[in-house]
N, C-alpha and C. Protein backbone atom coordinates (compact mmCIF):
# COMPACT_ATOMS: atom_id res chain seq x y z
N MET A 1 44.73 24.01 11.23
CA MET A 1 43.75 22.89 11.10
C MET A 1 42.06 23.41 11.45
N ASN A 2 41.54 23.35 10.57
CA ASN A 2 40.09 23.78 10.58
C ASN A 2 39.15 22.57 10.56
N LYS A 3 38.84 21.93 11.57
CA LYS A 3 37.90 20.79 11.51
C LYS A 3 36.58 21.26 11.26
N GLU A 4 35.38 20.69 10.74
CA GLU A 4 34.14 21.01 10.63
C GLU A 4 33.43 20.09 11.57
N ARG A 5 32.37 20.58 11.96
CA ARG A 5 31.56 19.50 12.97
C ARG A 5 31.50 18.13 12.26
N TYR A 6 31.51 17.15 13.27
CA TYR A 6 31.43 15.82 12.70
C TYR A 6 30.78 15.08 14.05
N LYS A 7 30.34 13.86 13.38
CA LYS A 7 29.46 13.11 14.06
C LYS A 7 30.17 11.51 14.37
N GLU A 8 30.26 11.04 15.70
CA GLU A 8 31.02 9.88 16.10
C GLU A 8 30.12 9.07 16.60
N GLU A 9 29.75 7.71 15.70
CA GLU A 9 28.90 6.68 16.20
C GLU A 9 29.52 5.72 17.15
N TYR A 10 29.12 5.20 18.17
CA TYR A 10 29.54 4.03 18.86
C TYR A 10 28.67 2.72 18.86
N GLU A 11 29.40 1.86 19.09
CA GLU A 11 28.67 0.44 19.13
C GLU A 11 27.44 0.28 20.03
N GLU A 12 27.62 1.05 21.11
CA GLU A 12 26.48 1.08 22.01
C GLU A 12 24.99 1.55 21.71
N GLY A 13 25.41 2.30 20.66
CA GLY A 13 24.04 3.11 19.78
C GLY A 13 24.10 4.55 20.36
N SER A 14 25.18 5.06 21.06
CA SER A 14 25.32 6.37 21.28
C SER A 14 25.92 7.11 20.17
N ASP A 15 25.44 8.43 19.91
CA ASP A 15 26.22 9.00 18.98
C ASP A 15 26.62 10.42 19.60
N LEU A 16 27.82 11.03 19.30
CA LEU A 16 28.31 12.07 19.62
C LEU A 16 28.41 13.23 18.57
N LEU A 17 27.95 14.32 18.80
CA LEU A 17 28.40 15.29 17.68
C LEU A 17 29.19 16.46 18.10
N TRP A 18 30.43 16.50 17.53
CA TRP A 18 31.45 17.41 18.02
C TRP A 18 31.53 18.68 17.42
N PRO A 19 31.76 19.67 17.95
CA PRO A 19 31.60 20.97 17.36
C PRO A 19 32.88 21.35 16.43
N SER A 20 32.53 22.31 15.67
CA SER A 20 33.75 22.61 14.44
C SER A 20 34.65 23.33 15.45
N ASP A 21 35.80 23.75 14.83
CA ASP A 21 36.94 24.64 15.40
C ASP A 21 36.43 25.98 16.01
N LYS A 22 35.60 26.48 15.19
CA LYS A 22 35.23 27.81 14.94
C LYS A 22 34.21 27.76 16.46
N GLU A 23 33.24 26.88 16.52
CA GLU A 23 32.41 26.75 17.56
C GLU A 23 32.86 26.55 18.72
N ASP A 24 34.04 25.65 18.59
CA ASP A 24 34.75 25.38 19.93
C ASP A 24 35.57 26.56 20.48
N LYS A 25 36.05 27.35 19.75
CA LYS A 25 36.87 28.43 20.10
C LYS A 25 35.56 29.43 20.72
N ILE A 26 34.70 29.82 19.96
CA ILE A 26 33.63 30.70 20.71
C ILE A 26 33.11 30.18 22.03
N THR A 27 32.79 28.90 21.92
CA THR A 27 32.29 28.24 23.42
C THR A 27 33.60 28.34 24.48
N ARG A 28 34.52 28.15 23.93
CA ARG A 28 35.62 28.20 25.30
C ARG A 28 35.92 29.93 25.46
N GLN A 29 35.84 30.86 24.84
CA GLN A 29 35.91 32.15 25.07
C GLN A 29 34.61 32.74 25.79
N PHE A 30 33.58 32.04 25.73
CA PHE A 30 32.34 32.52 26.31
C PHE A 30 32.59 32.13 27.97
N TYR A 31 32.81 30.87 27.98
CA TYR A 31 33.26 30.31 29.47
C TYR A 31 34.24 30.97 30.15
N LYS A 32 35.15 31.23 29.32
CA LYS A 32 36.46 32.28 29.90
C LYS A 32 35.87 33.29 30.48
N ASP A 33 35.11 34.09 29.53
CA ASP A 33 34.73 35.51 30.02
C ASP A 33 33.74 35.34 31.00
N LEU A 34 33.05 34.31 31.02
CA LEU A 34 31.98 34.01 32.28
C LEU A 34 32.83 33.86 33.50
N SER A 35 33.81 32.95 33.24
CA SER A 35 34.48 32.83 34.70
C SER A 35 35.15 34.13 35.30
N ASN A 36 35.71 34.91 34.22
CA ASN A 36 36.31 36.10 34.66
C ASN A 36 35.39 37.11 35.24
N LEU A 37 34.19 37.11 34.60
CA LEU A 37 33.01 38.06 35.24
C LEU A 37 32.69 37.57 36.40
N SER A 38 32.58 36.22 36.94
CA SER A 38 32.26 35.80 38.09
C SER A 38 33.50 35.95 39.23
N LYS A 39 34.39 35.80 39.30
CA LYS A 39 35.65 36.06 39.72
C LYS A 39 35.57 37.64 40.30
N LYS A 40 35.12 38.43 39.42
CA LYS A 40 35.20 39.94 39.53
C LYS A 40 34.01 40.19 40.58
N ILE A 41 32.91 39.54 40.02
CA ILE A 41 31.78 39.73 41.23
C ILE A 41 31.93 39.38 42.46
N ASN A 42 32.64 38.15 42.73
CA ASN A 42 33.02 37.50 44.03
C ASN A 42 33.86 38.43 44.79
N TYR A 43 34.87 39.02 43.90
CA TYR A 43 35.84 39.94 44.77
C TYR A 43 35.05 41.13 45.11
N SER A 44 34.38 41.42 44.29
CA SER A 44 33.71 42.96 44.64
C SER A 44 32.93 42.74 45.91
N LYS A 45 32.18 41.49 46.02
CA LYS A 45 31.32 41.05 47.16
C LYS A 45 32.19 40.87 48.52
N LYS A 46 33.43 40.47 48.51
CA LYS A 46 34.15 40.30 49.43
C LYS A 46 34.71 41.56 50.00
N LYS A 47 34.90 42.45 49.01
CA LYS A 47 35.44 43.96 49.48
C LYS A 47 34.35 44.53 50.12
N LYS A 48 32.87 44.34 49.81
CA LYS A 48 32.11 45.01 50.59
C LYS A 48 31.79 44.47 51.88
N ILE A 49 31.93 43.18 52.00
CA ILE A 49 31.88 42.56 53.45
C ILE A 49 32.88 42.86 54.20
N LYS A 50 34.05 42.93 53.80
CA LYS A 50 35.26 43.30 54.76
C LYS A 50 35.08 44.82 55.02
N LEU A 51 34.49 45.82 54.18
CA LEU A 51 34.37 46.97 54.63
C LEU A 51 33.39 47.10 55.73
N PHE A 52 32.16 46.41 55.49
CA PHE A 52 30.97 46.35 56.78
C PHE A 52 31.61 45.70 57.91
N GLU A 53 32.59 44.59 57.83
CA GLU A 53 33.11 44.23 59.13
C GLU A 53 33.90 45.25 59.87
N GLN A 54 34.72 46.07 59.21
CA GLN A 54 35.49 46.99 59.82
C GLN A 54 34.47 48.05 60.43
N VAL A 55 33.34 48.38 59.49
CA VAL A 55 32.69 49.60 60.24
C VAL A 55 32.05 48.92 61.53
N VAL A 56 31.79 47.72 61.43
CA VAL A 56 31.10 47.14 62.71
C VAL A 56 32.36 46.88 64.01
N ARG A 57 33.64 46.71 63.63
CA ARG A 57 34.16 46.71 64.63
C ARG A 57 34.77 48.16 65.22
N ILE A 58 34.63 49.08 64.30
CA ILE A 58 34.94 50.50 64.81
C ILE A 58 33.57 50.74 65.85
N ILE A 59 32.53 50.39 65.35
CA ILE A 59 31.32 50.90 66.24
C ILE A 59 31.44 50.29 67.58
N ARG A 60 31.99 48.84 67.52
CA ARG A 60 32.34 48.20 69.04
C ARG A 60 33.25 48.67 69.64
N VAL A 61 34.57 49.07 69.04
CA VAL A 61 35.70 49.57 69.66
C VAL A 61 35.20 50.93 70.47
N LYS A 62 34.43 51.68 69.57
CA LYS A 62 33.98 53.23 70.29
C LYS A 62 32.97 53.07 71.19
N GLY A 63 32.37 51.88 71.35
CA GLY A 63 31.18 51.91 72.18
C GLY A 63 30.07 52.34 71.97
N TRP A 64 29.92 52.59 70.48
CA TRP A 64 28.56 53.28 69.90
C TRP A 64 27.44 52.28 70.00
N GLY A 65 27.75 50.95 70.03
CA GLY A 65 26.69 49.89 69.73
C GLY A 65 26.53 48.90 70.93
């Protein structure tokens, strides 16, 4: 099924313009990629913070700070 873009009108006076299947597929893929990228960035930040916390703990235990 390959729907084209279409317009839906309501009695209240509002109109909705719905995307075509191709536009919808591209938009969904974009947000999926963006979500995955965001997860990778957050994971990377968490790893750096944990590494920093470990270094701080070692310094405290050794009595260097």
